[in-house]
Amino acid sequence: MILSDIIGTNHSHIHFIGIGGISMSGLAEILLSEGYTVSGSDMKNSPIINRLKNKGATIHIAHDKDNLKNPDLVVYTDAISNDNPELVEALNYEIPVMDRGSFLGEIMKTYSNSIAVSGTHGKTTTTGMISIILDKSALDPTILLGGELDQIGGNVKIGKDSYLLTEACEYKGNILKFQPTIGIILNVEEDHLDYFKDLNDIVKTFEAFAKNISSTGTLIINGDDENTSHIIKDTKCENITFGIKDENCSYFATNIEFNNFGLPRYTLIVDGHSYEVSLSVMGIHNIYNSLAAIATTHKCGVPIKTIINSIKLYTGTHRRLEHKGSYNGIKIIDDYAHHPTEVKATLNSIEKIANNKVWCVFQPHTYTRTKALLHEFSHSFEKATAVIVSDIYAAREKNNGLIHSKNLVEKLKENDVNSIYISDFNNISEYLFENASKGDIILTMGAGDIYRVGEILLEKSNYCIS
């Protein structure tokens, strides 16, 4: 890969605003591996930032115009506002700037085989499954993952062949900046309503993404999703479907069962042949994710036997139904779920292994999502014994005062869900320490920093894994 083809021979110094982000850091590491000078800034330190520093990046904590040392290109994340001092400085001095999605799209073009995993839910898990399978195959792809996977040493892997595997988020229409040779659409639902008008707007975005795949490329799409027919109607590429309801899907799962640990196994039907598949991650939603991963790697030429043996090795990325530890016979599990469908799927999975109470500690993510999907959220927690709701994690947004976590608690109580609002993480931990009992499960859930509740509990109880 020759990056100078896309950023010019003079663009030897790239500066990343928000370099600690999971995707931005991966892009930075690709550049470092190619010998580019990389600098960047972020609001706080992290293991990811330390990893980049150890690889040669210069990184500043906090954003400041003086952080720019004459870079040839500035790349910024979607979370950066227009008044960011570094972005303003770059524009004032006419330094070329590029948003993260556009930069990733340009890098994808330098690979002859690029795989983009899109969809409202399941992107990180599916990308992780594909990563494990390809790692056990003859291929050696470069991987950009939206989470941390121990088997590849984190969120990025620098490969040596012509394959790039990446997640592709629909937020702000970023997937329209990509032209993958293999595009995956896992599902399509309402989300990111701070940007999209409605579900129809989201469907149209995925339609456009599918149309961007060339006639020699492949679209791998959930055949059970009600929006599938709308998305594939005008595509010019090969269409491969997967599902568990429509027997006409190219990759079809039947005879689905769950063992005593909540782990699924099923019969895979491909081209009239049957194969037995076992997974090491819970939930029916992960059957869909596995089907997408199987279809993708099979399309890449990986033998089906290798695929089936490899996918069982996938035990999850960090923050996806991750067992954090136990104390006094109480399990603490953490999950990234922050959309009503994800919440419901996670609780359905937990129910299969629960022997006693399930305490769900939920941190809503963004004001717009919480307000727009309040009704859906209020019907997503029925499988929890009790729900503790913390303050909304603002992420990229500012509080407009139109929604509060207490509104969700009120709606949950209307639906007879035992729920309570507690703001402070230490207070949440105290409440759980006093009320949870042996055999219970404490599930922290959300895309923010709610996982800290589990860490506080484990520290408080002299942490032991069981």
Protein backbone atom coordinates (compact mmCIF):
# COMPACT_ATOMS: atom_id res chain seq x y z
CA MET A 1 0.00 0.00 0.00
CA ILE A 2 1.37 3.44 -0.93
CA LEU A 3 -0.36 6.12 1.14
CA SER A 4 1.38 8.88 -0.79
CA ASP A 5 -1.00 8.04 -3.64
CA ILE A 6 -3.87 9.51 -1.62
CA ILE A 7 -2.31 12.25 0.49
CA GLY A 8 0.53 13.38 -1.76
CA THR A 9 4.26 12.92 -1.49
CA ASN A 10 4.58 16.10 0.60
CA HIS A 11 2.02 14.96 3.16
CA SER A 12 4.45 13.22 5.47
CA HIS A 13 3.07 14.62 8.74
CA ILE A 14 -0.54 13.84 9.66
CA HIS A 15 -2.22 15.33 12.74
CA PHE A 16 -5.30 13.65 14.27
CA ILE A 17 -7.77 15.67 16.37
CA GLY A 18 -9.33 13.11 18.70
CA ILE A 19 -6.58 10.54 18.13
CA GLY A 20 -7.65 8.43 21.11
CA GLY A 21 -10.87 7.37 19.43
CA ILE A 22 -11.15 3.70 18.54
CA SER A 23 -11.19 4.33 14.77
CA MET A 24 -8.88 7.35 14.71
CA SER A 25 -6.20 5.46 16.63
CA GLY A 26 -6.38 2.60 14.15
CA LEU A 27 -5.88 4.96 11.23
CA ALA A 28 -2.97 6.58 13.04
CA GLU A 29 -1.35 3.20 13.58
CA ILE A 30 -1.64 2.36 9.88
CA LEU A 31 0.23 5.58 9.07
CA LEU A 32 2.89 4.88 11.67
CA SER A 33 3.45 1.45 10.13
CA GLU A 34 4.06 3.16 6.78
CA GLY A 35 6.66 5.52 8.21
CA TYR A 36 4.60 8.70 8.40
CA THR A 37 5.04 11.28 11.13
CA VAL A 38 1.93 11.18 13.30
CA SER A 39 0.80 13.66 15.91
CA GLY A 40 -2.53 14.19 17.59
CA SER A 41 -4.54 15.36 20.56
CA ASP A 42 -7.26 14.09 22.83
CA MET A 43 -8.98 15.16 26.03
CA LYS A 44 -7.58 12.41 28.23
CA ASN A 45 -4.90 9.77 28.34
CA SER A 46 -5.68 6.10 27.73
CA PRO A 47 -3.99 2.76 27.02
CA ILE A 48 -4.66 3.34 23.32
CA ILE A 49 -2.84 6.68 23.41
CA ASN A 50 0.07 5.11 25.28
CA ARG A 51 0.26 2.40 22.63
CA LEU A 52 0.48 5.04 19.87
CA LYS A 53 3.13 6.96 21.80
CA ASN A 54 5.19 3.78 22.10
CA LYS A 55 4.97 3.41 18.34
CA GLY A 56 6.31 6.93 17.78
CA ALA A 57 3.30 9.26 17.76
CA THR A 58 3.47 12.68 19.43
CA ILE A 59 0.23 13.18 21.36
CA HIS A 60 -1.00 16.15 23.39
CA ILE A 61 -3.63 15.87 26.11
CA ALA A 62 -6.25 18.65 25.62
CA HIS A 63 -6.93 20.50 22.39
CA ASP A 64 -4.90 23.62 21.72
CA LYS A 65 -3.98 25.50 18.55
CA ASP A 66 -0.32 25.27 19.56
CA ASN A 67 -0.51 21.48 19.18
CA LEU A 68 -0.32 21.94 15.40
CA LYS A 69 3.35 21.84 14.36
CA ASN A 70 2.97 22.50 10.63
CA PRO A 71 1.25 19.24 9.67
CA ASP A 72 0.62 18.47 6.02
CA LEU A 73 -2.88 17.15 6.72
CA VAL A 74 -5.29 17.34 9.67
CA VAL A 75 -7.80 14.53 10.21
CA TYR A 76 -10.63 15.11 12.67
CA THR A 77 -13.25 12.89 14.28
CA ASP A 78 -17.01 13.46 14.09
CA ALA A 79 -17.05 14.27 17.80
CA ILE A 80 -15.02 17.43 17.15
CA SER A 81 -17.04 20.66 17.01
CA ASN A 82 -16.52 23.37 14.40
CA ASP A 83 -15.01 25.68 17.00
CA ASN A 84 -12.29 23.24 18.02
CA PRO A 85 -9.13 25.37 18.34
CA GLU A 86 -6.97 22.99 16.32
CA LEU A 87 -9.48 22.71 13.51
CA VAL A 88 -9.94 26.50 13.44
CA GLU A 89 -6.16 26.97 13.36
CA ALA A 90 -5.79 24.52 10.48
CA LEU A 91 -8.47 26.28 8.45
CA ASN A 92 -7.01 29.72 9.21
CA TYR A 93 -3.63 28.64 7.87
CA GLU A 94 -5.17 26.72 4.96
CA ILE A 95 -3.80 23.39 6.10
CA PRO A 96 -5.74 20.62 4.32
CA VAL A 97 -8.33 19.00 6.58
CA MET A 98 -10.31 15.79 6.19
CA ASP A 99 -12.94 14.14 8.37
CA ARG A 100 -12.29 10.64 9.67
CA GLY A 101 -14.81 8.94 7.39
CA SER A 102 -13.42 10.52 4.23
CA PHE A 103 -9.87 9.65 5.23
CA LEU A 104 -10.83 6.03 5.92
CA GLY A 105 -12.62 5.92 2.56
CA GLU A 106 -9.47 7.07 0.80
CA ILE A 107 -7.32 4.53 2.60
CA MET A 108 -9.78 1.77 1.67
CA LYS A 109 -9.17 2.56 -2.00
CA THR A 110 -5.51 1.62 -1.63
CA TYR A 111 -6.49 -2.01 -0.89
CA SER A 112 -7.64 -4.24 -3.74
CA ASN A 113 -9.94 -6.08 -1.32
CA SER A 114 -11.84 -4.08 1.28
CA ILE A 115 -14.55 -5.37 3.61
CA ALA A 116 -16.87 -2.85 5.29
CA VAL A 117 -19.15 -4.09 8.09
CA SER A 118 -22.20 -1.85 8.51
CA GLY A 119 -25.55 -1.98 10.28
CA THR A 120 -27.29 -0.47 13.28
CA HIS A 121 -26.11 -3.25 15.63
CA GLY A 122 -23.43 -5.91 15.75
CA LYS A 123 -20.64 -4.27 13.75
CA THR A 124 -17.88 -4.81 16.28
CA THR A 125 -18.88 -8.39 17.07
CA THR A 126 -19.17 -9.36 13.41
CA THR A 127 -15.87 -7.67 12.55
CA GLY A 128 -14.32 -9.53 15.48
CA MET A 129 -15.66 -12.87 14.24
CA ILE A 130 -14.33 -12.19 10.74
CA SER A 131 -10.98 -11.21 12.27
CA ILE A 132 -10.67 -14.52 14.11
CA ILE A 133 -11.57 -16.54 11.00
CA LEU A 134 -9.18 -14.67 8.71
CA ASP A 135 -6.45 -14.94 11.33
CA LYS A 136 -6.77 -18.73 11.10
CA SER A 137 -6.75 -18.68 7.29
CA ALA A 138 -4.03 -18.05 4.73
CA LEU A 139 -5.00 -14.38 4.53
CA ASP A 140 -3.27 -11.60 6.49
CA PRO A 141 -5.60 -8.57 6.47
CA THR A 142 -5.24 -5.16 8.03
CA ILE A 143 -8.04 -4.83 10.58
CA LEU A 144 -9.73 -1.76 12.07
CA LEU A 145 -12.02 -2.85 14.90
CA GLY A 146 -14.46 -0.76 16.93
CA GLY A 147 -13.47 -2.52 20.13
CA GLU A 148 -10.54 -4.38 21.62
CA LEU A 149 -10.00 -8.02 20.72
CA ASP A 150 -7.31 -9.88 22.62
CA GLN A 151 -6.57 -12.24 19.71
CA ILE A 152 -5.35 -9.37 17.52
CA GLY A 153 -3.74 -7.43 20.36
CA GLY A 154 -6.24 -4.58 20.59
CA ASN A 155 -8.33 -2.59 18.11
CA VAL A 156 -6.03 -2.71 15.10
CA LYS A 157 -3.87 -5.23 13.27
CA ILE A 158 -1.47 -4.33 10.48
CA GLY A 159 -1.53 -7.04 7.83
CA LYS A 160 0.73 -7.79 4.90
CA ASP A 161 -1.67 -8.59 2.08
CA SER A 162 -4.27 -6.74 0.01
CA TYR A 163 -7.21 -7.06 2.44
CA LEU A 164 -8.61 -4.35 4.69
CA LEU A 165 -11.38 -5.18 7.16
CA THR A 166 -13.14 -2.28 8.86
CA GLU A 167 -16.35 -1.27 10.56
CA ALA A 168 -18.49 1.21 8.67
CA CYS A 169 -20.74 3.46 10.75
CA GLU A 170 -23.74 5.13 9.15
CA TYR A 171 -23.58 8.21 11.40
CA LYS A 172 -23.47 11.44 9.37
CA GLY A 173 -23.67 9.31 6.23
CA ASN A 174 -20.08 8.13 6.65
CA ILE A 175 -20.76 4.83 4.88
CA LEU A 176 -21.40 6.80 1.69
CA LYS A 177 -17.69 7.67 1.68
CA PHE A 178 -16.77 4.00 1.27
CA GLN A 179 -16.67 1.83 -1.85
CA PRO A 180 -15.83 -1.62 -0.49
CA THR A 181 -15.40 -4.72 -2.59
CA ILE A 182 -17.51 -6.54 0.05
CA GLY A 183 -20.15 -4.55 1.93
CA ILE A 184 -22.09 -6.05 4.83
CA ILE A 185 -25.42 -4.78 6.16
CA LEU A 186 -26.35 -6.52 9.40
CA ASN A 187 -29.63 -4.73 10.14
CA VAL A 188 -31.34 -1.37 9.71
CA GLU A 189 -33.21 0.41 12.52
CA GLU A 190 -33.83 3.89 13.85
CA ASP A 191 -30.73 5.40 15.44
CA HIS A 192 -28.54 8.52 15.29
CA LEU A 193 -31.68 10.64 15.04
CA ASP A 194 -29.63 13.73 15.82
CA TYR A 195 -28.50 13.41 12.19
CA PHE A 196 -31.10 11.33 10.32
CA LYS A 197 -34.66 12.59 9.83
CA ASP A 198 -36.32 9.22 10.33
CA LEU A 199 -36.08 5.51 9.50
CA ASN A 200 -36.78 6.16 5.83
CA ASP A 201 -33.79 8.50 5.71
CA ILE A 202 -31.62 5.76 7.27
CA VAL A 203 -32.85 3.14 4.79
CA LYS A 204 -32.00 5.46 1.89
CA THR A 205 -28.51 5.88 3.27
CA PHE A 206 -27.97 2.12 3.33
CA GLU A 207 -29.45 1.91 -0.18
CA ALA A 208 -26.85 4.39 -1.38
CA PHE A 209 -24.10 2.45 0.40
CA ALA A 210 -25.17 -0.73 -1.40
CA LYS A 211 -25.25 1.08 -4.75
CA ASN A 212 -21.66 2.22 -4.19
CA ILE A 213 -20.46 -1.39 -4.40
CA SER A 214 -19.22 -2.04 -7.94
CA SER A 215 -20.62 -4.69 -10.27
CA THR A 216 -17.64 -6.92 -9.43
CA GLY A 217 -18.24 -6.55 -5.68
CA THR A 218 -20.57 -8.26 -3.21
CA LEU A 219 -23.28 -7.14 -0.80
CA ILE A 220 -23.87 -9.48 2.15
CA ILE A 221 -27.16 -8.55 3.83
CA ASN A 222 -29.60 -9.77 6.48
CA GLY A 223 -32.38 -11.45 4.52
CA ASP A 224 -34.74 -11.35 7.51
CA ASP A 225 -34.58 -7.55 7.82
CA GLU A 226 -37.77 -5.93 6.53
CA ASN A 227 -35.72 -3.30 4.69
CA THR A 228 -33.64 -5.79 2.69
CA SER A 229 -35.78 -5.65 -0.44
CA HIS A 230 -35.64 -1.85 -0.54
CA ILE A 231 -31.86 -1.84 -0.20
CA ILE A 232 -30.94 -4.45 -2.82
CA LYS A 233 -33.47 -3.46 -5.48
CA ASP A 234 -31.11 -1.23 -7.48
CA THR A 235 -27.74 -2.77 -6.65
CA LYS A 236 -25.44 -3.77 -9.48
CA CYS A 237 -23.31 -6.14 -7.40
CA GLU A 238 -23.73 -9.74 -6.28
CA ASN A 239 -26.22 -10.08 -3.40
CA ILE A 240 -25.76 -12.72 -0.69
CA THR A 241 -28.36 -13.03 2.08
CA PHE A 242 -28.25 -14.63 5.52
CA GLY A 243 -30.99 -15.32 8.06
CA ILE A 244 -32.85 -17.68 10.36
CA LYS A 245 -36.42 -17.14 9.15
CA ASP A 246 -36.31 -17.15 5.35
CA GLU A 247 -35.16 -20.56 4.07
CA ASN A 248 -34.27 -18.94 0.74
CA CYS A 249 -31.36 -17.06 2.34
CA SER A 250 -27.97 -18.00 0.90
CA TYR A 251 -26.70 -18.78 4.40
CA PHE A 252 -29.50 -20.13 6.57
CA ALA A 253 -29.46 -21.24 10.23
CA THR A 254 -31.92 -23.85 11.44
CA ASN A 255 -32.26 -26.30 14.37
CA ILE A 256 -31.16 -23.55 16.76
CA GLU A 257 -30.46 -24.64 20.35
CA PHE A 258 -28.84 -23.10 23.44
CA ASN A 259 -26.75 -25.02 25.96
CA ASN A 260 -26.77 -24.53 29.74
CA PHE A 261 -24.40 -21.57 29.40
CA GLY A 262 -26.68 -19.79 26.92
CA LEU A 263 -24.35 -20.52 24.00
CA PRO A 264 -26.03 -21.28 20.66
CA ARG A 265 -25.51 -24.06 18.21
CA TYR A 266 -27.27 -24.49 14.89
CA THR A 267 -27.30 -26.22 11.53
CA LEU A 268 -25.95 -24.06 8.72
CA ILE A 269 -27.41 -24.62 5.26
CA VAL A 270 -25.26 -23.42 2.33
CA ASP A 271 -25.84 -24.46 -1.27
CA GLY A 272 -27.84 -27.47 -0.12
CA HIS A 273 -25.12 -28.68 2.26
CA SER A 274 -25.48 -28.88 6.05
CA TYR A 275 -22.85 -28.00 8.65
CA GLU A 276 -23.01 -27.93 12.45
CA VAL A 277 -21.96 -24.60 14.01
CA SER A 278 -21.28 -23.85 17.68
CA LEU A 279 -20.63 -20.37 19.08
CA SER A 280 -18.87 -19.18 22.22
CA VAL A 281 -20.92 -16.00 22.60
CA MET A 282 -24.47 -15.75 23.88
CA GLY A 283 -27.63 -14.60 22.15
CA ILE A 284 -29.69 -15.17 19.05
CA HIS A 285 -28.41 -11.85 17.72
CA ASN A 286 -24.96 -13.44 17.59
CA ILE A 287 -26.33 -16.16 15.32
CA TYR A 288 -27.07 -13.41 12.81
CA ASN A 289 -23.61 -11.91 13.34
CA SER A 290 -22.00 -15.32 12.85
CA LEU A 291 -23.92 -15.93 9.63
CA ALA A 292 -22.66 -12.61 8.24
CA ALA A 293 -19.10 -13.52 9.26
CA ILE A 294 -19.36 -16.98 7.73
CA ALA A 295 -20.77 -15.65 4.46
CA THR A 296 -18.07 -12.99 4.24
CA THR A 297 -15.09 -15.23 4.89
CA HIS A 298 -16.50 -17.95 2.64
CA LYS A 299 -16.71 -15.33 -0.12
CA CYS A 300 -13.04 -14.53 0.58
CA GLY A 301 -12.19 -18.15 -0.20
CA VAL A 302 -11.76 -19.52 3.30
CA PRO A 303 -12.83 -23.20 3.42
CA ILE A 304 -16.07 -23.75 5.32
CA LYS A 305 -14.40 -26.24 7.69
CA THR A 306 -11.80 -23.64 8.67
CA ILE A 307 -14.56 -21.08 9.18
CA ILE A 308 -16.63 -23.30 11.47
CA ASN A 309 -13.62 -24.37 13.54
CA SER A 310 -12.39 -20.78 13.84
CA ILE A 311 -15.63 -18.99 14.69
CA LYS A 312 -15.98 -21.07 17.84
CA LEU A 313 -12.75 -19.45 19.07
CA TYR A 314 -14.41 -16.04 19.15
CA THR A 315 -15.34 -15.28 22.77
CA GLY A 316 -16.11 -11.60 22.34
CA THR A 317 -14.44 -8.21 22.31
CA HIS A 318 -14.15 -6.12 25.43
CA ARG A 319 -17.47 -4.61 26.55
CA ARG A 320 -19.62 -7.12 24.65
CA LEU A 321 -21.21 -9.38 27.29
CA GLU A 322 -17.82 -9.32 28.99
CA HIS A 323 -17.51 -11.13 32.33
CA LYS A 324 -15.61 -8.61 34.43
CA GLY A 325 -15.36 -10.74 37.57
CA SER A 326 -17.28 -11.98 40.60
CA TYR A 327 -17.58 -11.30 44.31
CA ASN A 328 -19.55 -13.16 46.97
CA GLY A 329 -21.02 -15.39 44.26
CA ILE A 330 -22.31 -12.38 42.30
CA LYS A 331 -21.29 -12.14 38.63
CA ILE A 332 -20.54 -8.76 37.04
CA ILE A 333 -21.05 -8.57 33.29
CA ASP A 334 -20.55 -5.49 31.12
CA ASP A 335 -22.09 -4.76 27.73
CA TYR A 336 -21.96 -1.90 25.23
CA ALA A 337 -25.71 -2.01 24.42
CA HIS A 338 -27.11 1.50 24.04
CA HIS A 339 -30.07 1.03 21.65
CA PRO A 340 -33.43 -0.51 22.66
CA THR A 341 -32.96 -3.51 20.38
CA GLU A 342 -29.48 -4.12 21.77
CA VAL A 343 -30.72 -3.78 25.36
CA LYS A 344 -33.46 -6.33 24.74
CA ALA A 345 -31.08 -8.75 23.01
CA THR A 346 -28.53 -8.51 25.80
CA LEU A 347 -31.11 -9.12 28.53
CA ASN A 348 -32.54 -12.06 26.57
CA SER A 349 -29.05 -13.56 26.51
CA ILE A 350 -28.49 -12.95 30.21
CA GLU A 351 -31.82 -14.55 31.07
CA LYS A 352 -30.55 -17.88 29.73
CA ILE A 353 -27.76 -18.01 32.33
CA ALA A 354 -29.46 -16.24 35.26
CA ASN A 355 -30.11 -18.32 38.38
CA ASN A 356 -31.39 -15.47 40.49
CA LYS A 357 -31.89 -11.70 40.15
CA VAL A 358 -30.58 -9.64 37.24
CA TRP A 359 -29.60 -6.12 38.27
CA CYS A 360 -29.30 -3.94 35.18
CA VAL A 361 -27.32 -0.70 35.56
CA PHE A 362 -28.06 1.37 32.47
CA GLN A 363 -26.41 4.56 31.30
CA PRO A 364 -28.37 6.18 28.45
CA HIS A 365 -26.15 7.38 25.60
CA THR A 366 -26.81 10.86 24.12
CA TYR A 367 -29.80 13.08 24.77
CA THR A 368 -31.21 12.81 21.25
CA ARG A 369 -31.24 8.99 21.27
CA THR A 370 -32.80 8.85 24.74
CA LYS A 371 -35.53 11.33 23.83
CA ALA A 372 -36.31 9.95 20.36
CA LEU A 373 -36.42 6.31 21.50
CA LEU A 374 -37.81 6.80 25.02
CA HIS A 375 -40.89 4.69 24.33
CA GLU A 376 -38.79 1.87 22.85
CA PHE A 377 -36.36 1.99 25.78
CA SER A 378 -39.23 1.79 28.26
CA HIS A 379 -40.21 -1.61 26.77
CA SER A 380 -36.68 -3.06 26.58
CA PHE A 381 -35.99 -3.96 30.21
CA GLU A 382 -38.72 -6.50 31.01
CA LYS A 383 -36.19 -9.30 31.53
CA ALA A 384 -34.36 -7.38 34.28
CA THR A 385 -35.29 -7.90 37.92
CA ALA A 386 -34.38 -4.30 38.69
CA VAL A 387 -33.03 -1.39 36.65
CA ILE A 388 -30.78 1.37 37.95
CA VAL A 389 -30.55 4.30 35.56
CA SER A 390 -27.62 6.71 35.81
CA ASP A 391 -27.24 10.11 34.16
CA ILE A 392 -27.26 10.35 30.38
CA TYR A 393 -23.80 10.13 28.83
CA ALA A 394 -23.63 13.24 26.66
CA ALA A 395 -20.87 12.08 24.29
CA ARG A 396 -20.78 14.67 21.49
CA GLU A 397 -23.91 16.53 22.62
CA LYS A 398 -24.86 19.37 24.96
CA ASN A 399 -27.73 19.11 27.42
CA ASN A 400 -30.73 21.02 26.07
CA GLY A 401 -32.84 20.22 29.14
CA LEU A 402 -35.50 18.35 27.16
CA ILE A 403 -34.77 14.87 28.51
CA HIS A 404 -33.43 13.36 31.74
CA SER A 405 -32.77 9.86 33.00
CA LYS A 406 -35.64 10.36 35.44
CA ASN A 407 -37.99 10.43 32.44
CA LEU A 408 -36.90 6.93 31.52
CA VAL A 409 -37.36 5.73 35.10
CA GLU A 410 -40.90 7.13 35.09
CA LYS A 411 -41.70 5.28 31.84
CA LEU A 412 -40.22 2.05 33.18
CA LYS A 413 -42.35 2.28 36.31
CA GLU A 414 -45.43 2.82 34.15
CA ASN A 415 -44.56 -0.54 32.54
CA ASP A 416 -44.20 -2.16 35.99
CA VAL A 417 -40.41 -2.42 35.71
CA ASN A 418 -38.71 -2.08 39.09
CA SER A 419 -36.44 0.91 38.49
CA ILE A 420 -34.60 3.68 40.29
CA TYR A 421 -32.49 6.69 39.31
CA ILE A 422 -29.06 7.02 40.94
CA SER A 423 -26.63 9.55 39.53
CA ASP A 424 -23.27 8.85 41.19
CA PHE A 425 -21.38 5.67 40.33
CA ASN A 426 -20.13 5.26 43.88
CA ASN A 427 -23.70 5.50 45.17
CA ILE A 428 -24.81 2.92 42.63
CA SER A 429 -22.06 0.59 43.80
CA GLU A 430 -23.05 1.10 47.44
CA TYR A 431 -26.68 0.32 46.62
CA LEU A 432 -25.73 -2.89 44.80
CA PHE A 433 -23.27 -3.93 47.49
CA GLU A 434 -26.06 -3.70 50.04
CA ASN A 435 -28.83 -5.30 47.97
CA ALA A 436 -27.36 -7.89 45.57
CA SER A 437 -27.06 -11.48 46.80
CA LYS A 438 -25.24 -14.68 45.95
CA GLY A 439 -26.36 -16.03 42.57
CA ASP A 440 -27.35 -12.61 41.24
CA ILE A 441 -25.99 -11.02 38.05
CA ILE A 442 -25.06 -7.35 37.89
CA LEU A 443 -25.16 -6.16 34.28
CA THR A 444 -23.68 -2.74 33.49
CA MET A 445 -24.87 -1.51 30.12
CA GLY A 446 -24.23 1.49 27.90
CA ALA A 447 -21.74 3.02 25.47
CA GLY A 448 -20.26 5.46 27.97
CA ASP A 449 -18.24 4.76 31.11
CA ILE A 450 -20.81 2.79 33.10
CA TYR A 451 -18.36 -0.14 33.27
CA ARG A 452 -16.69 1.78 36.10
CA VAL A 453 -19.51 0.68 38.42
CA GLY A 454 -18.35 -2.92 38.08
CA GLU A 455 -14.74 -1.91 38.63
CA ILE A 456 -15.70 -0.05 41.82
CA LEU A 457 -17.61 -3.09 43.10
CA LEU A 458 -14.74 -5.45 42.38
CA GLU A 459 -12.21 -3.17 44.04
CA LYS A 460 -14.52 -2.80 47.01
CA SER A 461 -14.75 -6.56 47.41
CA ASN A 462 -11.04 -7.32 46.95
CA TYR A 463 -11.65 -8.55 43.38
CA CYS A 464 -11.60 -12.24 42.59
CA ILE A 465 -12.44 -13.93 39.29
CA SER A 466 -14.56 -17.04 39.31
